[in-house]
Amino acid sequence: MVAGTGTWRPEGRDGVALEVAAFGEESGELSVPGPAIKVRAGSMVAVTLRNALDRKLVVAGLCSRPGKCDPVWIPAGTSREFRFVLNAPGTYYYWASTGAARPAMRSRFDSQLGGAIVVSEHDDASADRVFVISTYDDPLPVSDDPRIPAVAAGDRPRVFTINGTSWPHTERLSYATGQTVHWRIVNIGNIGHAMHLHGYHFQVDARGDGVSDETLAPQQRVTEVTEVIGAGRTFAMSWVPTRPGNWLFHCHMIEHMAARDDPTHASRHDDGAAGMAGLVLGIHVTGPALVQVPLDTPRRIRMLIDQEPNRYGNRAGFRVAVDGGDAPKLDAGPVPGPVLVLHRGEPVEIEVVNRMSEPTAIHWHGIELESYYDGVPGYAGDEERLAPPIAAGASFIARFTPPRSGTFIYHTHWHDEAQLAGGVYGPLLVLEPGERYDPSVDHVLVIALNGVLVPGQREPFALNGRDPPAPIAVRAGVPNRLRLINITPNNSILNALLFDRFEPAQWTLIAKDGATLSPDRTRSTPARQLVSVGETYDFEFVPKSDQNLWLEIRRGNGEWLLQAPVLVR
């Protein structure tokens, strides 16, 4: 291989040109990501790497697995041979830098120096698809053009890519219903992501850090719709499409998958799909549907979305109301929207009425449904019928039958942070047939932003629309259910902690993203949970009358954000 400098166009031929360092085969062109190394377990690999850059290069990852993996320096203009044995099956990567000590510290010129290493137990190591996520911190050019705003160094826009390209230029994937799909996701970028699959649950089969990889035992495998992948991490997943149509796999953080209003990147997004850009993969499924839809008369519900022009100073806020169904409010305020309560196996028709002055779309996050009703305007559906945006003053009817009970979310899929931060979201609970929602023991806790972030001010985090949060009243001596939902717009990977005095209480995880855990996988643990954007977690705990409880929300670095007293009654 060779490491050299080239021009990279992640947003297509007519998009922005970025000069970056990249890997390539000596006889071919440079590429982002670098050449993949795919071998069977037990293979000896020999790589000769020539450093064609004008500066020395630190290289890591071209090493044995299992084994120690120290970085190696290669001076400018010289070559180095690496010989290593890959005995441990898994998903790994190699990377390089002109000075950073780890991949997460790279930002611009050397941020794309990396490639995947896949070690398979079988002869065909290329059967699984590999998707390498990367990030480029993109400083805006100095210009006298008044359309180009000045951007501080810490606020530079980023370019997010999958296998070297941003939506709508990312690869479009095709599968047939009933086909088992295996993917390996590698994050060589400098920031974490919350990767979300529309329309289906997937299974996490393995997780790794680039040096080691853990294949999860069957009883440890997680079924979910959103997986957090940190900088320098990997995971392997599998899923089976059962309904035809167009679907998405994307990062749930709006900044990472929505176009920005930036004239230097005018070609970077697809207006036909509500302004998506960045970390988005399109999936087209063909073949007959493999699920049976009940023919019962559907419940009819109306969801009304209104706009309040100046709720957040000079910024609009939004209010969701529900008619025709069980939809209690969590708080008297405008956000979040009501708790939409449905039942497993019961067909529903939800008419979404847009009474705002701008278009929108509603995604039924975690619900398995037909593609046309999934809530991605200009993309969901198929070649014969694409879902339209819900124009101002118009409405759209979504039809689906929830196949499983659990905790889900309804939220805008119009890629405008103001709608999500302003209130176009709410909890969606699917109960078992005949079950009733009892808020005295069933507690919905929605973490969100209460208004759009204003530069220079603290992020307006809120729990159930309040900061400080309202007290949470729980019933002593009986099982209580806590449903944690994170629907913040951007990079909010948070910790939720339930304290008894100054020590963590005990709770039991019973479901993730609406997928119920089997009884043999549930156990009491200290009450702390990392919850990222687009994730839901359900916990059960039995409060005691003498406990002094409170719930805290913190950042991953421990910074305190919210605290809610928990009153035992």
Protein backbone atom coordinates (compact mmCIF):
# COMPACT_ATOMS: atom_id res chain seq x y z
CA MET A 1 0.00 0.00 0.00
CA VAL A 2 0.89 3.66 -0.23
CA ALA A 3 -0.12 6.64 1.92
CA GLY A 4 -0.35 9.82 -0.15
CA THR A 5 -2.26 13.05 -0.70
CA GLY A 6 -5.26 13.32 -2.98
CA THR A 7 -8.48 15.18 -3.69
CA TRP A 8 -11.56 13.69 -2.05
CA ARG A 9 -15.13 14.59 -3.05
CA PRO A 10 -17.43 13.01 -0.45
CA GLU A 11 -20.49 14.86 -1.77
CA GLY A 12 -20.23 13.74 -5.37
CA ARG A 13 -18.43 14.90 -8.46
CA ASP A 14 -19.78 18.44 -8.18
CA GLY A 15 -19.39 18.66 -4.40
CA VAL A 16 -16.70 20.25 -2.29
CA ALA A 17 -13.10 19.11 -3.00
CA LEU A 18 -11.04 18.32 0.09
CA GLU A 19 -7.30 17.65 0.10
CA VAL A 20 -6.66 14.70 2.42
CA ALA A 21 -4.17 11.97 3.12
CA ALA A 22 -5.43 8.54 2.11
CA PHE A 23 -4.33 4.95 1.58
CA GLY A 24 -4.34 3.07 -1.70
CA GLU A 25 -2.83 0.08 -3.39
CA GLU A 26 0.53 0.87 -4.95
CA SER A 27 -0.75 0.03 -8.43
CA GLY A 28 -4.07 1.86 -8.07
CA GLU A 29 -5.69 5.06 -6.85
CA LEU A 30 -6.02 6.39 -3.33
CA SER A 31 -9.37 5.63 -1.70
CA VAL A 32 -11.51 6.58 1.29
CA PRO A 33 -11.64 4.31 3.19
CA GLY A 34 -8.37 2.52 2.48
CA PRO A 35 -8.21 -0.98 0.97
CA ALA A 36 -10.05 -3.56 3.07
CA ILE A 37 -8.15 -6.59 4.33
CA LYS A 38 -10.51 -9.59 4.37
CA VAL A 39 -9.10 -12.99 5.29
CA ARG A 40 -9.95 -16.30 6.91
CA ALA A 41 -8.88 -16.84 10.52
CA GLY A 42 -5.34 -18.22 10.69
CA SER A 43 -4.05 -16.24 7.72
CA MET A 44 -0.62 -14.64 7.64
CA VAL A 45 -0.80 -11.12 6.17
CA ALA A 46 2.14 -9.23 4.68
CA VAL A 47 1.71 -5.53 3.94
CA THR A 48 4.37 -3.22 2.57
CA LEU A 49 3.41 0.39 3.24
CA ARG A 50 5.18 3.30 1.53
CA ASN A 51 4.82 6.75 3.06
CA ALA A 52 4.55 9.14 0.11
CA LEU A 53 3.63 12.08 2.34
CA ASP A 54 6.01 14.92 3.10
CA ARG A 55 5.87 14.17 6.84
CA LYS A 56 6.34 11.15 9.08
CA LEU A 57 3.39 8.86 9.65
CA VAL A 58 2.33 6.86 12.71
CA VAL A 59 0.57 3.63 11.70
CA ALA A 60 -1.47 1.34 13.96
CA GLY A 61 -3.62 -1.73 13.48
CA LEU A 62 -1.43 -3.68 11.08
CA CYS A 63 -0.76 -6.27 13.78
CA SER A 64 -1.74 -9.75 14.96
CA ARG A 65 -5.11 -10.52 16.55
CA PRO A 66 -5.01 -11.48 19.32
CA GLY A 67 -1.84 -9.70 20.32
CA LYS A 68 -0.25 -6.41 21.26
CA CYS A 69 -0.76 -3.63 18.72
CA ASP A 70 1.77 -0.84 19.17
CA PRO A 71 1.89 2.07 16.67
CA VAL A 72 4.86 2.30 14.31
CA TRP A 73 6.45 5.45 12.84
CA ILE A 74 7.33 5.55 9.14
CA PRO A 75 9.50 8.52 8.06
CA ALA A 76 8.48 10.50 4.97
CA GLY A 77 9.56 8.86 1.73
CA THR A 78 10.31 5.45 3.27
CA SER A 79 8.58 2.06 3.37
CA ARG A 80 7.89 -0.47 6.11
CA GLU A 81 6.84 -4.10 5.90
CA PHE A 82 4.30 -5.48 8.34
CA ARG A 83 3.81 -9.23 8.87
CA PHE A 84 1.11 -10.44 11.21
CA VAL A 85 -1.21 -13.37 11.83
CA LEU A 86 -4.98 -12.94 12.15
CA ASN A 87 -6.25 -15.81 14.27
CA ALA A 88 -9.17 -14.13 16.06
CA PRO A 89 -12.36 -13.77 13.97
CA GLY A 90 -13.88 -10.31 14.16
CA THR A 91 -14.09 -6.78 12.80
CA TYR A 92 -10.98 -4.60 13.13
CA TYR A 93 -9.33 -1.66 11.39
CA TYR A 94 -5.98 -0.04 10.71
CA TRP A 95 -5.34 3.69 10.83
CA ALA A 96 -2.60 6.28 10.57
CA SER A 97 -1.93 9.86 11.53
CA THR A 98 0.62 12.58 11.08
CA GLY A 99 0.67 13.21 14.82
CA ALA A 100 -2.49 12.13 16.68
CA ALA A 101 -2.14 9.43 19.31
CA ARG A 102 -5.51 7.80 18.54
CA PRO A 103 -8.14 7.95 15.76
CA ALA A 104 -10.49 10.15 17.79
CA MET A 105 -7.91 12.95 17.85
CA ARG A 106 -7.75 13.32 14.06
CA SER A 107 -9.87 15.99 12.42
CA ARG A 108 -8.90 17.17 8.94
CA PHE A 109 -5.97 16.26 6.68
CA ASP A 110 -5.28 12.80 8.14
CA SER A 111 -8.84 12.00 9.27
CA GLN A 112 -9.46 9.58 6.39
CA LEU A 113 -6.38 7.40 6.88
CA GLY A 114 -7.97 4.09 7.78
CA GLY A 115 -9.46 0.88 6.51
CA ALA A 116 -11.30 -2.22 7.69
CA ILE A 117 -9.85 -5.61 8.60
CA VAL A 118 -12.33 -8.50 8.58
CA VAL A 119 -11.34 -11.91 9.89
CA SER A 120 -13.85 -14.66 9.16
CA GLU A 121 -14.18 -18.20 10.43
CA HIS A 122 -15.27 -19.27 6.93
CA ASP A 123 -13.71 -19.27 3.48
CA ASP A 124 -15.88 -16.43 2.18
CA ALA A 125 -14.78 -13.42 4.25
CA SER A 126 -16.48 -11.00 1.85
CA ALA A 127 -20.06 -12.16 2.45
CA ASP A 128 -20.65 -9.54 5.15
CA ARG A 129 -20.97 -5.90 4.07
CA VAL A 130 -18.54 -3.51 5.76
CA PHE A 131 -19.38 0.16 6.33
CA VAL A 132 -16.63 2.49 7.51
CA ILE A 133 -17.81 5.73 9.15
CA SER A 134 -15.49 8.74 9.04
CA THR A 135 -15.60 12.42 9.98
CA TYR A 136 -13.88 15.45 8.52
CA ASP A 137 -13.95 18.73 10.45
CA ASP A 138 -14.53 21.19 7.64
CA PRO A 139 -13.40 24.80 8.18
CA LEU A 140 -15.28 27.26 6.03
CA PRO A 141 -13.00 29.13 3.64
CA VAL A 142 -12.15 32.76 4.30
CA SER A 143 -14.33 34.79 1.97
CA ASP A 144 -15.71 38.27 1.44
CA ASP A 145 -19.00 36.72 0.30
CA PRO A 146 -21.62 37.84 2.85
CA ARG A 147 -23.51 34.57 2.35
CA ILE A 148 -20.64 32.67 4.01
CA PRO A 149 -20.77 33.27 7.78
CA ALA A 150 -17.75 33.44 10.02
CA VAL A 151 -17.40 30.22 12.00
CA ALA A 152 -15.36 29.85 15.16
CA ALA A 153 -12.80 27.04 15.25
CA GLY A 154 -14.85 25.06 17.78
CA ASP A 155 -18.01 25.37 15.69
CA ARG A 156 -16.65 24.20 12.35
CA PRO A 157 -19.11 22.19 10.31
CA ARG A 158 -18.29 18.53 9.80
CA VAL A 159 -18.53 16.21 6.83
CA PHE A 160 -19.81 12.75 7.80
CA THR A 161 -19.37 9.81 5.44
CA ILE A 162 -20.04 6.09 5.08
CA ASN A 163 -17.45 4.35 2.92
CA GLY A 164 -16.17 7.74 1.81
CA THR A 165 -19.42 9.38 0.66
CA SER A 166 -22.32 11.37 2.13
CA TRP A 167 -26.01 10.94 1.30
CA PRO A 168 -27.41 11.13 -1.37
CA HIS A 169 -24.18 9.75 -2.87
CA THR A 170 -23.88 6.81 -0.49
CA GLU A 171 -24.45 3.34 -1.86
CA ARG A 172 -28.06 2.17 -2.29
CA LEU A 173 -28.45 -1.38 -1.00
CA SER A 174 -30.85 -4.01 -2.37
CA TYR A 175 -32.18 -7.07 -0.55
CA ALA A 176 -35.04 -9.54 -0.91
CA THR A 177 -37.59 -10.29 1.77
CA GLY A 178 -36.49 -13.26 3.87
CA GLN A 179 -32.80 -12.67 3.17
CA THR A 180 -30.52 -12.63 6.22
CA VAL A 181 -28.37 -9.48 6.14
CA HIS A 182 -24.99 -9.26 7.89
CA TRP A 183 -23.26 -5.91 8.33
CA ARG A 184 -20.06 -4.81 10.05
CA ILE A 185 -19.86 -1.15 11.12
CA VAL A 186 -16.47 0.50 11.75
CA ASN A 187 -16.11 4.03 13.16
CA ILE A 188 -12.68 5.51 12.39
CA GLY A 189 -14.01 9.04 12.98
CA ASN A 190 -13.51 11.35 15.94
CA ILE A 191 -17.05 11.28 17.33
CA GLY A 192 -19.70 8.74 18.35
CA HIS A 193 -22.92 7.98 16.49
CA ALA A 194 -26.35 6.48 17.20
CA MET A 195 -27.02 4.23 14.20
CA HIS A 196 -30.75 3.62 13.63
CA LEU A 197 -32.50 1.17 11.29
CA HIS A 198 -35.99 2.05 10.04
CA GLY A 199 -38.79 -0.48 9.95
CA TYR A 200 -36.98 -3.42 11.54
CA HIS A 201 -35.22 -4.57 14.67
CA PHE A 202 -31.71 -5.91 14.24
CA GLN A 203 -29.49 -8.10 16.37
CA VAL A 204 -26.06 -7.02 17.62
CA ASP A 205 -23.77 -10.02 17.15
CA ALA A 206 -20.38 -8.58 18.17
CA ARG A 207 -18.68 -5.43 19.46
CA GLY A 208 -15.05 -4.38 19.35
CA ASP A 209 -12.48 -1.60 19.69
CA GLY A 210 -10.27 -2.24 16.65
CA VAL A 211 -7.76 -4.37 18.56
CA SER A 212 -10.10 -6.90 20.16
CA ASP A 213 -13.56 -8.09 19.15
CA GLU A 214 -16.12 -9.91 21.27
CA THR A 215 -18.59 -12.21 19.56
CA LEU A 216 -21.64 -12.20 21.79
CA ALA A 217 -23.12 -15.47 22.96
CA PRO A 218 -26.72 -16.00 21.76
CA GLN A 219 -28.15 -15.13 25.18
CA GLN A 220 -26.11 -11.88 25.24
CA ARG A 221 -27.16 -10.59 21.82
CA VAL A 222 -29.19 -7.41 21.86
CA THR A 223 -32.28 -6.84 19.71
CA GLU A 224 -32.79 -3.14 19.02
CA VAL A 225 -33.32 -0.41 16.44
CA THR A 226 -30.50 1.94 17.53
CA GLU A 227 -26.88 1.08 18.41
CA VAL A 228 -24.35 3.56 19.78
CA ILE A 229 -20.90 3.27 18.25
CA GLY A 230 -18.15 5.36 19.81
CA ALA A 231 -15.10 6.76 18.06
CA GLY A 232 -12.73 3.89 17.28
CA ARG A 233 -15.36 1.22 17.93
CA THR A 234 -16.94 -1.52 15.79
CA PHE A 235 -20.03 -3.70 15.87
CA ALA A 236 -21.54 -6.49 13.77
CA MET A 237 -25.28 -6.77 13.19
CA SER A 238 -27.79 -8.99 11.39
CA TRP A 239 -31.42 -8.55 10.37
CA VAL A 240 -34.06 -9.99 8.07
CA PRO A 241 -36.27 -7.73 5.90
CA THR A 242 -39.87 -8.93 5.84
CA ARG A 243 -41.66 -6.09 3.96
CA PRO A 244 -40.78 -4.56 0.59
CA GLY A 245 -40.08 -0.87 0.05
CA ASN A 246 -37.48 1.78 0.80
CA TRP A 247 -35.81 1.94 4.22
CA LEU A 248 -33.02 3.87 5.93
CA PHE A 249 -30.03 3.16 8.16
CA HIS A 250 -28.68 6.41 9.55
CA CYS A 251 -27.21 8.23 12.52
CA HIS A 252 -30.02 9.62 14.65
CA MET A 253 -28.12 12.80 15.53
CA ILE A 254 -29.55 15.51 13.30
CA GLU A 255 -26.22 17.27 12.74
CA HIS A 256 -24.81 13.99 11.39
CA MET A 257 -27.59 13.27 8.88
CA ALA A 258 -29.11 16.60 7.84
CA ALA A 259 -27.98 19.23 5.36
CA ARG A 260 -26.68 22.52 6.63
CA ASP A 261 -27.50 25.89 5.15
CA ASP A 262 -24.04 26.52 3.75
CA PRO A 263 -23.39 27.84 0.23
CA THR A 264 -20.00 26.12 0.13
CA HIS A 265 -21.83 22.78 0.27
CA ALA A 266 -24.81 23.56 -1.92
CA SER A 267 -24.80 20.11 -3.54
CA ARG A 268 -24.53 18.06 -0.41
CA HIS A 269 -28.14 17.10 0.27
CA ASP A 270 -31.21 15.64 -1.36
CA ASP A 271 -34.15 18.04 -1.15
CA GLY A 272 -36.48 15.27 -2.24
CA ALA A 273 -35.97 13.43 1.06
CA ALA A 274 -36.51 16.29 3.51
CA GLY A 275 -32.94 17.57 3.43
CA MET A 276 -31.04 14.46 4.49
CA ALA A 277 -27.26 14.38 4.19
CA GLY A 278 -24.27 12.68 5.79
CA LEU A 279 -24.55 9.34 7.56
CA VAL A 280 -27.47 7.82 5.68
CA LEU A 281 -27.73 4.54 3.75
CA GLY A 282 -30.71 3.80 1.52
CA ILE A 283 -32.10 0.25 1.43
CA HIS A 284 -34.51 -1.13 -1.18
CA VAL A 285 -36.29 -4.38 -0.35
CA THR A 286 -38.09 -6.43 -3.00
CA GLY A 287 -40.30 -9.49 -2.85
CA PRO A 288 -43.56 -10.39 -1.14
CA ALA A 289 -44.36 -9.24 2.38
CA LEU A 290 -43.71 -12.03 4.88
CA VAL A 291 -45.99 -10.63 7.59
CA GLN A 292 -49.75 -10.90 7.89
CA VAL A 293 -51.71 -7.67 8.50
CA PRO A 294 -54.92 -8.08 10.56
CA LEU A 295 -58.11 -7.19 8.71
CA ASP A 296 -59.88 -5.79 11.78
CA THR A 297 -61.47 -2.35 11.66
CA PRO A 298 -58.71 0.09 12.64
CA ARG A 299 -58.81 2.55 15.50
CA ARG A 300 -58.88 6.07 14.09
CA ILE A 301 -56.78 8.75 15.74
CA ARG A 302 -56.06 12.38 14.78
CA MET A 303 -52.72 13.97 15.63
CA LEU A 304 -52.77 17.77 15.43
CA ILE A 305 -49.52 19.73 15.15
CA ASP A 306 -49.68 23.46 15.87
CA GLN A 307 -47.07 26.21 15.81
CA GLU A 308 -46.45 28.91 18.43
CA PRO A 309 -44.41 31.62 16.67
CA ASN A 310 -42.42 33.11 19.56
CA ARG A 311 -42.35 30.50 22.31
CA TYR A 312 -38.53 30.53 22.49
CA GLY A 313 -37.81 34.22 22.07
CA ASN A 314 -37.79 34.82 18.33
CA ARG A 315 -37.96 31.09 17.60
CA ALA A 316 -41.10 29.05 17.05
CA GLY A 317 -42.27 26.24 19.27
CA PHE A 318 -44.67 23.44 18.39
CA ARG A 319 -47.48 21.60 20.14
CA VAL A 320 -48.85 18.12 19.45
CA ALA A 321 -52.39 17.09 20.45
CA VAL A 322 -54.18 13.78 19.94
CA ASP A 323 -57.89 13.15 19.39
CA GLY A 324 -59.61 9.78 19.31
CA GLY A 325 -57.27 7.72 21.44
CA ASP A 326 -55.66 7.29 24.83
CA ALA A 327 -53.10 10.07 24.98
CA PRO A 328 -52.49 11.45 28.48
CA LYS A 329 -50.11 14.38 28.90
CA LEU A 330 -46.94 13.93 30.91
CA ASP A 331 -47.08 17.59 31.96
CA ALA A 332 -49.34 20.59 31.47
CA GLY A 333 -46.76 22.28 29.24
CA PRO A 334 -46.59 22.20 25.44
CA VAL A 335 -43.84 19.53 25.29
CA PRO A 336 -43.48 16.66 24.96
CA GLY A 337 -46.51 15.57 22.95
CA PRO A 338 -49.10 13.31 24.60
CA VAL A 339 -48.38 9.67 25.43
CA LEU A 340 -49.88 7.84 22.45
CA VAL A 341 -51.12 4.49 23.80
CA LEU A 342 -51.71 1.65 21.30
CA HIS A 343 -52.10 -2.13 21.64
CA ARG A 344 -50.20 -4.99 20.08
CA GLY A 345 -52.05 -6.49 17.11
CA GLU A 346 -54.61 -3.67 16.92
CA PRO A 347 -54.66 -1.83 13.55
CA VAL A 348 -54.61 1.96 13.72
CA GLU A 349 -55.10 4.82 11.30
CA ILE A 350 -53.42 8.00 12.52
CA GLU A 351 -54.26 11.16 10.60
CA VAL A 352 -51.44 13.66 11.08
CA VAL A 353 -52.81 17.18 10.58
CA ASN A 354 -50.16 19.84 9.95
CA ARG A 355 -51.46 23.19 11.21
CA MET A 356 -47.98 24.74 11.10
CA SER A 357 -46.69 27.19 8.49
CA GLU A 358 -44.03 24.73 7.23
CA PRO A 359 -43.96 21.13 6.00
CA THR A 360 -43.24 18.19 8.26
CA ALA A 361 -43.26 14.38 8.43
CA ILE A 362 -43.77 11.97 11.32
CA HIS A 363 -41.63 8.87 11.83
CA TRP A 364 -42.95 6.05 14.04
CA HIS A 365 -39.59 5.22 15.58
CA GLY A 366 -39.12 1.50 16.27
CA ILE A 367 -42.49 0.47 14.82
CA GLU A 368 -42.48 -2.28 12.19
CA LEU A 369 -44.81 -1.10 9.43
CA GLU A 370 -45.15 -0.63 5.68
CA SER A 371 -42.48 1.57 4.10
CA TYR A 372 -44.97 4.13 2.73
CA TYR A 373 -46.07 5.06 6.26
CA ASP A 374 -42.55 5.19 7.73
CA GLY A 375 -42.37 9.00 7.64
CA VAL A 376 -39.52 9.79 5.20
CA PRO A 377 -41.00 12.15 2.57
CA GLY A 378 -39.80 11.70 -0.99
CA TYR A 379 -38.19 8.35 -0.19
CA ALA A 380 -40.41 6.00 1.86
CA GLY A 381 -42.60 3.72 -0.24
CA ASP A 382 -41.51 2.33 -3.60
CA GLU A 383 -41.08 3.35 -7.25
CA GLU A 384 -44.85 3.49 -7.79
CA ARG A 385 -45.74 5.49 -4.69
CA LEU A 386 -43.45 7.70 -2.57
CA ALA A 387 -44.64 9.24 0.67
CA PRO A 388 -45.22 13.00 0.33
CA PRO A 389 -44.22 15.65 2.85
CA ILE A 390 -47.12 16.87 4.96
CA ALA A 391 -47.47 20.40 3.64
CA ALA A 392 -48.66 23.30 5.77
CA GLY A 393 -52.43 22.93 6.13
CA ALA A 394 -52.41 19.35 4.79
CA SER A 395 -52.70 15.95 6.43
CA PHE A 396 -51.41 12.39 5.97
CA ILE A 397 -52.86 9.10 7.23
CA ALA A 398 -50.39 6.53 8.59
CA ARG A 399 -51.68 2.95 8.83
CA PHE A 400 -49.97 0.21 10.81
CA THR A 401 -50.51 -2.66 13.23
CA PRO A 402 -47.90 -2.80 16.04
CA PRO A 403 -46.52 -6.37 16.13
CA ARG A 404 -44.87 -6.06 19.55
CA SER A 405 -45.47 -4.22 22.80
CA GLY A 406 -42.90 -1.80 24.17
CA THR A 407 -41.66 1.78 24.31
CA PHE A 408 -41.36 3.69 21.04
CA ILE A 409 -41.30 7.31 19.84
CA TYR A 410 -43.17 9.45 17.35
CA HIS A 411 -41.14 12.38 16.08
CA THR A 412 -40.59 14.66 13.13
CA HIS A 413 -38.44 13.30 10.32
CA TRP A 414 -38.20 16.71 8.72
CA HIS A 415 -34.49 17.37 9.09
CA ASP A 416 -34.77 20.69 10.80
CA GLU A 417 -33.44 20.75 14.36
CA ALA A 418 -35.99 23.45 15.27
CA GLN A 419 -38.94 21.06 14.83
CA LEU A 420 -37.45 18.34 17.00
CA ALA A 421 -36.13 20.68 19.69
CA GLY A 422 -39.33 22.73 19.49
CA GLY A 423 -41.74 19.94 20.35
CA VAL A 424 -42.70 17.72 17.38
CA TYR A 425 -42.14 14.50 19.32
CA GLY A 426 -43.70 12.32 21.98
CA PRO A 427 -43.73 8.84 23.53
CA LEU A 428 -45.54 5.97 21.83
CA LEU A 429 -46.44 3.03 24.08
CA VAL A 430 -47.69 -0.29 22.73
CA LEU A 431 -49.37 -2.37 25.44
CA GLU A 432 -50.51 -5.97 25.44
CA PRO A 433 -54.15 -6.56 24.35
CA GLY A 434 -56.47 -5.54 27.15
CA GLU A 435 -53.71 -3.90 29.19
CA ARG A 436 -54.30 -0.39 30.55
CA TYR A 437 -51.74 2.38 30.96
CA ASP A 438 -51.43 3.20 34.67
CA PRO A 439 -49.21 6.29 35.22
CA SER A 440 -49.01 5.55 38.97
CA VAL A 441 -46.67 2.62 38.24
CA ASP A 442 -45.77 3.21 34.57
CA HIS A 443 -43.48 6.24 34.28
CA VAL A 444 -42.49 7.74 30.93
CA LEU A 445 -39.32 9.85 31.10
CA VAL A 446 -38.50 11.79 27.92
CA ILE A 447 -35.11 13.52 27.72
CA ALA A 448 -35.15 16.27 25.09
CA LEU A 449 -34.15 19.85 24.36
CA ASN A 450 -36.70 22.48 25.31
CA GLY A 451 -36.00 24.79 22.39
CA VAL A 452 -33.14 25.16 19.91
CA LEU A 453 -29.64 25.66 21.27
CA VAL A 454 -28.59 29.31 21.25
CA PRO A 455 -24.81 29.79 20.67
CA GLY A 456 -23.08 30.82 23.87
CA GLN A 457 -25.86 29.54 26.13
CA ARG A 458 -26.31 26.28 28.05
CA GLU A 459 -28.15 23.55 26.16
CA PRO A 460 -31.81 23.63 27.26
CA PHE A 461 -32.11 20.00 28.37
CA ALA A 462 -35.47 19.06 29.85
CA LEU A 463 -37.11 15.97 31.35
CA ASN A 464 -40.74 15.67 30.27
CA GLY A 465 -40.55 19.28 29.10
CA ARG A 466 -39.29 20.74 32.37
CA ASP A 467 -36.04 22.05 33.82
CA PRO A 468 -35.95 21.58 36.75
CA PRO A 469 -38.00 18.41 36.27
CA ALA A 470 -41.23 17.74 38.10
CA PRO A 471 -41.15 15.12 40.89
CA ILE A 472 -41.72 11.50 39.84
CA ALA A 473 -44.29 9.80 42.07
CA VAL A 474 -43.81 6.02 42.39
CA ARG A 475 -45.82 3.44 44.32
CA ALA A 476 -44.10 1.62 47.17
CA GLY A 477 -43.95 -2.16 47.42
CA VAL A 478 -45.03 -2.97 43.84
CA PRO A 479 -43.18 -3.21 40.52
CA ASN A 480 -42.86 0.18 38.83
CA ARG A 481 -41.78 0.59 35.18
CA LEU A 482 -39.45 3.38 34.09
CA ARG A 483 -39.44 4.06 30.36
CA LEU A 484 -36.36 6.13 29.41
CA ILE A 485 -36.47 7.91 26.04
CA ASN A 486 -33.71 10.13 24.60
CA ILE A 487 -35.00 12.27 21.72
CA THR A 488 -32.46 15.09 21.91
CA PRO A 489 -31.46 16.29 18.43
CA ASN A 490 -27.69 16.01 18.46
CA ASN A 491 -24.68 14.44 20.13
CA SER A 492 -26.31 13.76 23.48
CA ILE A 493 -25.07 10.39 24.72
CA LEU A 494 -26.27 10.68 28.31
CA ASN A 495 -26.25 8.74 31.55
CA ALA A 496 -29.43 8.15 33.55
CA LEU A 497 -28.86 7.28 37.21
CA LEU A 498 -31.37 6.44 39.94
CA PHE A 499 -29.96 7.15 43.41
CA ASP A 500 -31.05 5.97 46.84
CA ARG A 501 -29.54 8.64 49.06
CA PHE A 502 -25.98 8.73 47.69
CA GLU A 503 -25.70 5.20 46.27
CA PRO A 504 -27.22 3.80 43.07
CA ALA A 505 -30.54 2.06 43.61
CA GLN A 506 -31.22 -1.32 42.01
CA TRP A 507 -33.33 -1.84 38.90
CA THR A 508 -33.85 -4.55 36.27
CA LEU A 509 -33.60 -3.94 32.52
CA ILE A 510 -36.63 -5.57 30.89
CA ALA A 511 -36.66 -4.11 27.34
CA LYS A 512 -34.55 -2.15 24.85
CA ASP A 513 -36.05 -0.22 21.90
CA GLY A 514 -39.35 -2.01 22.37
CA ALA A 515 -37.78 -5.48 22.30
CA THR A 516 -38.58 -7.37 25.51
CA LEU A 517 -35.73 -9.29 27.11
CA SER A 518 -36.29 -12.96 27.89
CA PRO A 519 -36.61 -13.70 31.65
CA ASP A 520 -33.26 -15.52 31.71
CA ARG A 521 -31.52 -12.28 30.64
CA THR A 522 -33.04 -10.01 33.28
CA ARG A 523 -31.23 -9.35 36.54
CA SER A 524 -31.04 -6.63 39.15
CA THR A 525 -28.16 -4.18 38.60
CA PRO A 526 -27.04 -0.80 39.95
CA ALA A 527 -29.34 1.85 38.44
CA ARG A 528 -27.21 3.55 35.81
CA GLN A 529 -27.70 3.43 32.05
CA LEU A 530 -26.08 5.09 29.04
CA VAL A 531 -28.93 6.25 26.79
CA SER A 532 -28.19 7.83 23.43
CA VAL A 533 -30.26 9.67 20.86
CA GLY A 534 -33.08 7.48 19.54
CA GLU A 535 -32.78 4.82 22.24
CA THR A 536 -35.45 3.64 24.67
CA TYR A 537 -34.88 1.52 27.79
CA ASP A 538 -37.47 -0.05 30.08
CA PHE A 539 -36.57 -0.81 33.71
CA GLU A 540 -38.52 -2.38 36.53
CA PHE A 541 -37.92 -1.58 40.18
CA VAL A 542 -39.80 -1.99 43.46
CA PRO A 543 -39.47 1.13 45.62
CA LYS A 544 -39.41 0.84 49.40
CA SER A 545 -41.18 3.40 51.56
CA ASP A 546 -37.99 4.29 53.45
CA GLN A 547 -35.93 5.04 50.32
CA ASN A 548 -34.77 8.57 49.48
CA LEU A 549 -34.71 8.46 45.67
CA TRP A 550 -33.88 10.83 42.86
CA LEU A 551 -33.13 10.51 39.15
CA GLU A 552 -30.14 12.26 37.57
CA ILE A 553 -29.28 12.86 33.93
CA ARG A 554 -25.60 13.47 33.21
CA ARG A 555 -23.34 13.67 30.22
CA GLY A 556 -21.00 10.78 29.56
CA ASN A 557 -18.17 12.80 31.14
CA GLY A 558 -20.13 13.09 34.39
CA GLU A 559 -21.38 16.66 33.93
CA TRP A 560 -24.67 17.07 35.80
CA LEU A 561 -27.63 18.20 33.64
CA LEU A 562 -30.98 17.38 35.30
CA GLN A 563 -32.19 16.08 38.65
CA ALA A 564 -35.71 14.91 39.47
CA PRO A 565 -36.90 13.93 42.97
CA VAL A 566 -38.61 10.53 43.13
CA LEU A 567 -41.43 10.47 45.67
CA VAL A 568 -42.33 7.07 47.15
CA ARG A 569 -45.99 6.78 48.10
